[in-house]
């Protein structure tokens, strides 16, 4: 008889983990590392309850995937036991490539990389360990499986990933605007010509889902204080790397120093299993250990930002729709005077400027399709009677500028 493990999840209640491949994936050190990576990066600087991890999210997504597949089976869709298990594996591993603090350092520790690309590398490595048992999961993850709705359940604009993280992040932050009807959405899912659709009865739940996602991004994920904290952390990592490149000793864990001492790209992880293993040992605690040590470093930039970060004395930030007009020379001069900096290159780590963007929904071939009562399949933007659904496809761009809070413009 197959053994099952039970985990009590604060969002869904009891989650069942089957024995076999799924249990071995969860037990692997690479997956256990997700316990030490916060799901929402530095958002707990704004919402103190946002301390849940990628481990929580992966298990929750696996649970929702199981519910979704059972519902599709009840609607007469044939899903073999192997496909079922492969789908659970694919959703479990969809975030396995995340680095410390999730998105905060995504393109900082590794150059020219993103967590999806790294996830594929790690899944391929695990597939060798598990004797090719992840072949189908890999095909699904890479959208190479002959039944496209499987990939759409893992990665699309209405995937199981989003259904879990919106519900979970809303729960842990206390932001009720992010609450979605994930149970109803899952019950309304169906498959037409191999493509994932939502039955017309679920259209209002989808409208709520899209509005909740928009609100969560601007109110939570891209909250200006979270953006400021992320830019501070990026400055810290870049400063540590800068010092190491110039021969200055910077204390940190062995694995973190490896990635700060040389430029490493995803292709290097693919070619070198030792580098991949080192990457899969780095988590939030490596960064915190570094910051706590760096607050005593003789380099005033590294120690200064570290102390500000530990005390939550975050950078000031301007975040607005229009480009930010500021006298950069005057700002740099004020920072130099206040912090006693004489080198122009040091000031580059005290000021961050750029753009953040977000679109709640994108119409087109990868959109959310509604199955109406006549059997027609329509994009949600066309099927909805709310004009704002189509407007959600507009990419919103906001400009930011951060600098030490003690310096006034």
Protein backbone atom coordinates (compact mmCIF):
# COMPACT_ATOMS: atom_id res chain seq x y z
CA UNK A 1 0.00 0.00 0.00
CA UNK A 2 1.29 3.46 -0.92
CA UNK A 3 2.20 5.53 2.10
CA UNK A 4 1.09 9.15 2.28
CA UNK A 5 2.50 12.01 4.31
CA UNK A 6 0.26 14.74 5.68
CA UNK A 7 1.29 18.39 6.08
CA UNK A 8 -0.89 21.00 7.77
CA UNK A 9 -0.92 24.11 5.58
CA UNK A 10 -2.30 27.39 7.02
CA UNK A 11 -4.03 28.25 3.72
CA UNK A 12 -5.59 24.93 2.61
CA UNK A 13 -5.51 22.75 5.71
CA UNK A 14 -4.15 19.23 5.32
CA UNK A 15 -2.05 18.53 2.22
CA UNK A 16 -1.32 14.95 1.24
CA UNK A 17 2.12 14.04 -0.12
CA UNK A 18 2.27 10.66 -1.86
CA UNK A 19 5.21 8.34 -1.32
CA UNK A 20 7.58 7.61 -4.19
CA UNK A 21 8.98 10.16 -6.64
CA UNK A 22 7.13 13.18 -5.20
CA UNK A 23 8.27 12.45 -1.67
CA UNK A 24 11.87 11.90 -2.85
CA UNK A 25 11.82 15.27 -4.67
CA UNK A 26 10.61 17.07 -1.55
CA UNK A 27 13.23 15.28 0.57
CA UNK A 28 16.12 16.25 -1.72
CA UNK A 29 18.49 18.96 -0.36
CA UNK A 30 17.90 21.17 -3.41
CA UNK A 31 14.19 21.28 -2.61
CA UNK A 32 14.70 21.60 1.14
CA UNK A 33 16.73 24.75 0.41
CA UNK A 34 13.42 26.42 -0.48
CA UNK A 35 12.63 26.43 3.25
CA UNK A 36 15.38 29.04 3.58
CA UNK A 37 14.22 31.35 0.77
CA UNK A 38 11.38 33.74 1.54
CA UNK A 39 8.58 33.71 -0.99
CA UNK A 40 8.20 37.47 -1.01
CA UNK A 41 11.82 38.53 -0.77
CA UNK A 42 11.99 41.74 1.27
CA UNK A 43 8.28 42.48 1.44
CA UNK A 44 8.29 41.76 5.17
CA UNK A 45 9.95 45.19 5.54
CA UNK A 46 6.46 46.50 4.70
CA UNK A 47 4.20 43.59 5.69
CA UNK A 48 5.77 41.89 8.75
CA UNK A 49 3.73 38.72 8.27
CA UNK A 50 5.20 38.01 4.83
CA UNK A 51 7.68 35.48 6.15
CA UNK A 52 6.45 32.39 4.31
CA UNK A 53 8.88 30.55 2.06
CA UNK A 54 9.19 29.10 -1.42
CA UNK A 55 8.78 25.71 0.29
CA UNK A 56 5.29 26.71 1.50
CA UNK A 57 4.36 27.94 -1.96
CA UNK A 58 5.63 24.86 -3.81
CA UNK A 59 3.65 22.50 -1.56
CA UNK A 60 0.55 24.67 -1.89
CA UNK A 61 0.86 24.72 -5.67
CA UNK A 62 1.27 20.93 -5.68
CA UNK A 63 -1.94 20.61 -3.65
CA UNK A 64 -3.90 22.87 -6.03
CA UNK A 65 -2.51 20.99 -9.02
CA UNK A 66 -3.75 17.72 -7.55
CA UNK A 67 -7.23 19.23 -7.05
CA UNK A 68 -7.24 20.62 -10.62
CA UNK A 69 -6.25 17.29 -12.17
CA UNK A 70 -8.87 15.38 -10.17
CA UNK A 71 -11.53 17.85 -11.35
CA UNK A 72 -10.47 17.44 -14.99
CA UNK A 73 -10.64 13.66 -14.58
CA UNK A 74 -14.19 13.99 -13.25
CA UNK A 75 -15.06 15.93 -16.42
CA UNK A 76 -13.91 12.98 -18.50
CA UNK A 77 -10.39 14.13 -19.39
CA UNK A 78 -8.06 11.16 -19.50
CA UNK A 79 -4.98 11.77 -17.38
CA UNK A 80 -2.76 8.77 -16.72
CA UNK A 81 -1.16 8.13 -13.34
CA UNK A 82 2.23 8.89 -14.88
CA UNK A 83 0.98 12.22 -16.26
CA UNK A 84 -0.58 13.02 -12.90
CA UNK A 85 2.70 12.37 -11.07
CA UNK A 86 4.69 14.30 -13.70
CA UNK A 87 2.41 17.31 -13.29
CA UNK A 88 2.91 17.28 -9.53
CA UNK A 89 6.67 17.09 -10.08
CA UNK A 90 6.62 19.93 -12.61
CA UNK A 91 4.71 22.32 -10.33
CA UNK A 92 6.79 21.31 -7.31
CA UNK A 93 9.98 22.21 -9.16
CA UNK A 94 8.79 25.30 -11.04
CA UNK A 95 10.57 27.64 -8.57
CA UNK A 96 13.57 25.42 -7.74
CA UNK A 97 15.90 27.85 -9.53
CA UNK A 98 15.18 30.83 -7.29
CA UNK A 99 18.13 32.39 -5.51
CA UNK A 100 18.18 34.24 -2.17
CA UNK A 101 15.19 36.49 -1.50
CA UNK A 102 13.46 35.17 -4.62
CA UNK A 103 13.32 37.91 -7.27
CA UNK A 104 15.38 40.50 -5.36
CA UNK A 105 18.78 39.18 -6.50
CA UNK A 106 17.67 37.32 -9.62
CA UNK A 107 20.10 39.02 -12.02
CA UNK A 108 22.73 39.98 -9.44
CA UNK A 109 24.32 36.78 -8.14
CA UNK A 110 24.07 35.16 -11.57
CA UNK A 111 24.67 37.28 -14.63
CA UNK A 112 22.14 37.23 -17.49
CA UNK A 113 19.99 34.65 -15.77
CA UNK A 114 16.45 34.13 -14.55
CA UNK A 115 14.99 31.55 -12.21
CA UNK A 116 13.06 29.73 -14.96
CA UNK A 117 16.23 29.03 -16.92
CA UNK A 118 18.02 27.87 -13.79
CA UNK A 119 15.04 25.72 -12.81
CA UNK A 120 15.37 23.79 -16.08
CA UNK A 121 19.07 23.19 -15.40
CA UNK A 122 18.31 21.91 -11.89
CA UNK A 123 15.42 19.72 -13.04
CA UNK A 124 17.67 18.11 -15.67
CA UNK A 125 20.28 17.45 -12.98
CA UNK A 126 17.66 15.92 -10.67
CA UNK A 127 16.36 13.85 -13.58
CA UNK A 128 19.76 12.16 -13.86
CA UNK A 129 19.72 11.50 -10.12
CA UNK A 130 16.20 10.03 -10.27
CA UNK A 131 16.91 7.80 -13.26
CA UNK A 132 15.03 9.77 -15.95
CA UNK A 133 11.78 9.75 -13.96
CA UNK A 134 11.40 13.49 -14.66
CA UNK A 135 11.47 13.21 -18.45
CA UNK A 136 7.77 13.95 -18.84
CA UNK A 137 7.86 16.69 -16.19
CA UNK A 138 10.65 18.35 -18.18
CA UNK A 139 8.66 18.14 -21.40
CA UNK A 140 5.67 19.70 -19.65
CA UNK A 141 7.80 22.43 -18.07
CA UNK A 142 9.39 23.30 -21.44
CA UNK A 143 6.03 23.20 -23.27
CA UNK A 144 7.19 20.25 -25.38
CA UNK A 145 4.54 17.76 -24.26
CA UNK A 146 1.86 16.84 -26.80
CA UNK A 147 -0.96 17.98 -24.50
CA UNK A 148 -0.44 21.78 -24.17
CA UNK A 149 -2.96 22.28 -21.37
CA UNK A 150 -0.53 20.54 -19.03
CA UNK A 151 2.06 23.28 -19.56
CA UNK A 152 -0.67 25.93 -19.28
CA UNK A 153 -1.54 24.62 -15.83
CA UNK A 154 2.12 25.00 -14.82
CA UNK A 155 2.93 28.27 -16.60
CA UNK A 156 0.42 30.65 -18.17
CA UNK A 157 -1.61 33.71 -17.25
CA UNK A 158 -3.97 31.47 -15.30
CA UNK A 159 -1.66 28.83 -13.90
CA UNK A 160 -1.62 26.97 -10.62
CA UNK A 161 1.47 28.94 -9.60
CA UNK A 162 -0.46 32.23 -9.66
CA UNK A 163 -3.53 30.75 -8.01
CA UNK A 164 -1.44 29.71 -5.03
CA UNK A 165 0.85 32.70 -4.62
CA UNK A 166 -1.96 35.27 -4.82
CA UNK A 167 -4.01 33.43 -2.21
CA UNK A 168 -0.98 32.68 -0.01
CA UNK A 169 0.60 36.13 -0.24
CA UNK A 170 -2.74 37.79 0.49
CA UNK A 171 -3.12 35.56 3.54
CA UNK A 172 0.33 36.26 5.00
CA UNK A 173 0.39 39.99 4.25
CA UNK A 174 -3.18 40.56 5.40
CA UNK A 175 -3.96 42.39 2.15
CA UNK A 176 -7.55 41.27 1.60
CA UNK A 177 -7.70 42.85 -1.87
CA UNK A 178 -5.57 39.97 -3.13
CA UNK A 179 -8.07 37.28 -2.11
CA UNK A 180 -9.22 35.16 -5.04
CA UNK A 181 -11.69 32.32 -5.46
CA UNK A 182 -9.12 29.69 -6.38
CA UNK A 183 -11.47 26.79 -5.54
CA UNK A 184 -14.16 28.06 -7.92
CA UNK A 185 -11.65 28.88 -10.65
CA UNK A 186 -10.23 25.35 -10.48
CA UNK A 187 -13.71 23.81 -10.62
CA UNK A 188 -14.48 25.89 -13.72
CA UNK A 189 -11.36 24.74 -15.62
CA UNK A 190 -11.84 22.55 -18.67
CA UNK A 191 -9.97 21.49 -21.81
CA UNK A 192 -11.03 22.17 -25.42
CA UNK A 193 -8.87 20.96 -28.32
CA UNK A 194 -5.99 20.40 -25.92
CA UNK A 195 -6.11 23.98 -24.61
CA UNK A 196 -7.00 25.13 -21.10
CA UNK A 197 -10.28 27.07 -20.87
CA UNK A 198 -12.54 28.43 -18.17
CA UNK A 199 -16.24 27.66 -18.34
CA UNK A 200 -18.42 30.75 -18.66
CA UNK A 201 -19.80 30.33 -15.12
CA UNK A 202 -16.33 31.19 -13.82
CA UNK A 203 -15.94 34.49 -15.69
CA UNK A 204 -16.54 36.69 -12.64
CA UNK A 205 -13.96 34.76 -10.65
CA UNK A 206 -11.45 35.39 -13.44
CA UNK A 207 -12.28 39.10 -13.46
CA UNK A 208 -11.66 39.18 -9.71
CA UNK A 209 -8.43 37.21 -10.17
CA UNK A 210 -7.06 39.74 -12.69
CA UNK A 211 -8.03 42.74 -10.58
CA UNK A 212 -6.55 41.12 -7.46
CA UNK A 213 -3.30 40.44 -9.29
CA UNK A 214 -3.04 44.08 -10.39
CA UNK A 215 -3.71 45.34 -6.86
CA UNK A 216 -1.22 42.92 -5.31
CA UNK A 217 1.55 44.01 -7.66
CA UNK A 218 1.27 47.73 -7.00
CA UNK A 219 0.19 47.49 -3.38
CA UNK A 220 2.51 44.66 -2.31
CA UNK A 221 5.08 43.23 -4.72
CA UNK A 222 6.13 46.60 -6.17
CA UNK A 223 5.43 48.68 -3.07
CA UNK A 224 7.87 51.57 -3.10
CA UNK A 225 9.46 50.58 0.23
CA UNK A 226 10.03 47.04 -1.02
CA UNK A 227 11.63 48.45 -4.18
CA UNK A 228 13.92 50.64 -2.06
CA UNK A 229 14.95 47.68 0.10
CA UNK A 230 15.68 45.54 -2.96
CA UNK A 231 17.86 48.24 -4.52
CA UNK A 232 19.80 48.57 -1.26
CA UNK A 233 20.45 44.83 -1.22
CA UNK A 234 21.55 44.86 -4.85
CA UNK A 235 23.95 47.73 -4.02
CA UNK A 236 25.35 45.71 -1.13
CA UNK A 237 26.01 42.63 -3.25
CA UNK A 238 27.52 44.72 -6.04
CA UNK A 239 29.73 46.57 -3.56
CA UNK A 240 30.95 43.31 -2.02
CA UNK A 241 31.74 42.02 -5.52
CA UNK A 242 33.52 45.28 -6.40
CA UNK A 243 35.74 45.04 -3.32
CA UNK A 244 36.60 41.38 -3.91
CA UNK A 245 37.52 42.17 -7.52
CA UNK A 246 39.92 44.83 -6.19
CA UNK A 247 41.60 42.44 -3.77
CA UNK A 248 39.80 43.50 -0.59
CA UNK A 249 38.87 40.75 1.84
CA UNK A 250 35.11 40.50 2.28
CA UNK A 251 33.95 37.83 4.76
CA UNK A 252 31.06 35.62 3.63
CA UNK A 253 30.17 31.96 3.25
CA UNK A 254 32.27 29.89 0.88
CA UNK A 255 29.46 29.43 -1.65
CA UNK A 256 28.53 33.11 -1.71
CA UNK A 257 32.17 34.14 -2.15
CA UNK A 258 32.43 31.80 -5.12
CA UNK A 259 29.68 33.74 -6.90
CA UNK A 260 31.04 37.14 -5.86
CA UNK A 261 34.57 36.35 -6.98
CA UNK A 262 33.85 35.64 -10.64
CA UNK A 263 31.15 36.30 -13.24
CA UNK A 264 28.95 33.19 -13.45
CA UNK A 265 26.13 32.66 -15.93
CA UNK A 266 23.49 29.91 -16.15
CA UNK A 267 25.48 28.17 -18.88
CA UNK A 268 28.31 27.75 -16.35
CA UNK A 269 25.95 25.93 -13.97
CA UNK A 270 24.93 23.66 -16.81
CA UNK A 271 28.54 22.81 -17.62
CA UNK A 272 29.83 22.50 -14.04
CA UNK A 273 27.93 20.36 -11.52
CA UNK A 274 30.14 21.73 -8.73
CA UNK A 275 28.98 25.28 -9.47
CA UNK A 276 25.39 24.09 -9.66
CA UNK A 277 25.68 22.41 -6.27
CA UNK A 278 27.20 25.59 -4.81
CA UNK A 279 24.33 27.65 -6.21
CA UNK A 280 21.84 25.21 -4.69
CA UNK A 281 23.37 25.79 -1.26
CA UNK A 282 23.01 29.59 -1.27
CA UNK A 283 19.93 30.94 0.48
CA UNK A 284 18.71 33.97 2.44
CA UNK A 285 20.91 33.08 5.39
CA UNK A 286 24.11 33.46 3.37
CA UNK A 287 23.11 37.04 2.58
CA UNK A 288 22.05 37.88 6.13
CA UNK A 289 25.28 36.42 7.52
CA UNK A 290 27.23 38.57 5.08
CA UNK A 291 25.32 41.75 5.95
CA UNK A 292 25.76 41.20 9.69
CA UNK A 293 29.49 40.78 9.16
CA UNK A 294 29.79 43.63 6.67
CA UNK A 295 28.41 46.21 9.10
CA UNK A 296 31.86 46.11 10.76
CA UNK A 297 33.86 46.20 7.51
CA UNK A 298 36.38 49.05 7.11
CA UNK A 299 34.88 49.99 3.74
CA UNK A 300 32.47 52.78 4.60
CA UNK A 301 30.12 52.07 1.71
CA UNK A 302 29.70 48.38 2.54
CA UNK A 303 29.46 48.92 6.30
CA UNK A 304 27.26 51.99 5.99
CA UNK A 305 24.62 50.40 3.79
CA UNK A 306 24.75 47.19 5.86
CA UNK A 307 24.02 49.09 9.09
CA UNK A 308 21.21 51.01 7.42
CA UNK A 309 19.76 47.77 6.10
CA UNK A 310 19.91 45.97 9.46
CA UNK A 311 18.28 48.92 11.22
CA UNK A 312 15.65 49.28 8.47
CA UNK A 313 16.92 52.76 7.78
CA UNK A 314 16.08 52.24 4.12
CA UNK A 315 16.92 54.42 1.15
CA UNK A 316 14.51 57.21 0.35
CA UNK A 317 12.62 56.57 -2.89
CA UNK A 318 10.74 58.52 -5.48
CA UNK A 319 8.38 56.35 -7.55
CA UNK A 320 6.26 57.99 -10.22
CA UNK A 321 4.83 57.63 -13.71
CA UNK A 322 6.89 60.46 -15.20
CA UNK A 323 10.70 60.42 -15.58
CA UNK A 324 12.35 61.82 -12.45
CA UNK A 325 14.06 65.15 -12.90
CA UNK A 326 16.81 65.72 -10.36
CA UNK A 327 20.13 67.52 -10.17
CA UNK A 328 22.36 64.43 -9.94
CA UNK A 329 25.51 66.42 -9.38
CA UNK A 330 23.95 68.22 -6.43
CA UNK A 331 22.63 64.94 -4.99
CA UNK A 332 26.01 63.23 -5.34
CA UNK A 333 27.73 66.22 -3.75
CA UNK A 334 25.40 66.11 -0.74
CA UNK A 335 25.95 62.36 -0.28
CA UNK A 336 29.73 62.80 -0.57
CA UNK A 337 29.73 65.57 2.05
CA UNK A 338 27.52 63.72 4.51
CA UNK A 339 29.31 60.36 4.25
CA UNK A 340 32.82 61.73 3.71
CA UNK A 341 33.25 60.06 0.33
CA UNK A 342 36.01 61.24 -1.96
CA UNK A 343 35.78 58.71 -4.81
CA UNK A 344 33.14 59.19 -7.48
CA UNK A 345 32.86 55.41 -7.96
CA UNK A 346 31.75 55.00 -4.33
CA UNK A 347 28.75 57.24 -4.90
CA UNK A 348 27.43 54.91 -7.60
CA UNK A 349 26.46 52.44 -4.86
CA UNK A 350 24.47 55.06 -2.91
CA UNK A 351 22.12 56.06 -5.74
CA UNK A 352 19.89 53.76 -7.78
CA UNK A 353 17.70 54.84 -10.67
CA UNK A 354 15.62 52.86 -13.12
CA UNK A 355 12.19 51.70 -14.23
CA UNK A 356 9.77 49.02 -13.04
CA UNK A 357 6.93 47.73 -15.20
CA UNK A 358 3.87 45.56 -14.82
CA UNK A 359 0.88 44.42 -16.88
CA UNK A 360 -1.87 42.51 -15.12
CA UNK A 361 -3.00 40.73 -18.29
CA UNK A 362 -1.79 40.26 -21.85
CA UNK A 363 -4.28 39.45 -24.59
CA UNK A 364 -3.41 37.13 -27.46
CA UNK A 365 -2.53 33.48 -27.99
CA UNK A 366 -1.31 33.07 -24.42
CA UNK A 367 -4.35 34.72 -22.84
CA UNK A 368 -7.13 33.34 -20.66
CA UNK A 369 -9.84 31.67 -22.73
CA UNK A 370 -13.51 31.50 -21.76
CA UNK A 371 -15.76 28.69 -23.01
CA UNK A 372 -19.25 30.15 -23.48
CA UNK A 373 -22.52 28.21 -23.37
CA UNK A 374 -22.61 27.92 -27.17
CA UNK A 375 -19.20 26.19 -27.19
CA UNK A 376 -17.26 29.23 -28.45
CA UNK A 377 -13.85 30.00 -27.01
CA UNK A 378 -13.22 33.71 -26.38
CA UNK A 379 -10.42 35.69 -24.78
CA UNK A 380 -11.47 37.00 -21.36
CA UNK A 381 -11.05 40.58 -22.64
CA UNK A 382 -13.71 39.90 -25.30
CA UNK A 383 -15.96 37.74 -23.13
CA UNK A 384 -16.08 40.08 -20.13
CA UNK A 385 -18.58 42.91 -19.90
CA UNK A 386 -16.06 44.92 -17.88
CA UNK A 387 -14.10 47.36 -20.08
CA UNK A 388 -11.26 47.52 -17.56
CA UNK A 389 -10.24 43.91 -18.30
CA UNK A 390 -8.92 44.93 -21.71
CA UNK A 391 -7.29 47.98 -20.10
CA UNK A 392 -5.36 45.67 -17.74
CA UNK A 393 -3.21 44.67 -20.73
CA UNK A 394 -1.60 48.10 -20.74
CA UNK A 395 1.98 47.93 -19.50
CA UNK A 396 2.37 50.40 -16.65
CA UNK A 397 5.83 51.90 -16.30
CA UNK A 398 7.04 53.67 -13.17
CA UNK A 399 10.35 55.46 -12.69
CA UNK A 400 12.27 55.24 -9.42
CA UNK A 401 15.18 57.01 -7.77
CA UNK A 402 16.66 55.89 -4.43
CA UNK A 403 19.28 57.53 -2.19
CA UNK A 404 20.16 57.61 1.56
CA UNK A 405 17.23 58.89 3.60
CA UNK A 406 19.41 61.25 5.63
CA UNK A 407 20.18 63.28 2.48
CA UNK A 408 17.51 65.79 1.44
CA UNK A 409 17.03 66.79 -2.19
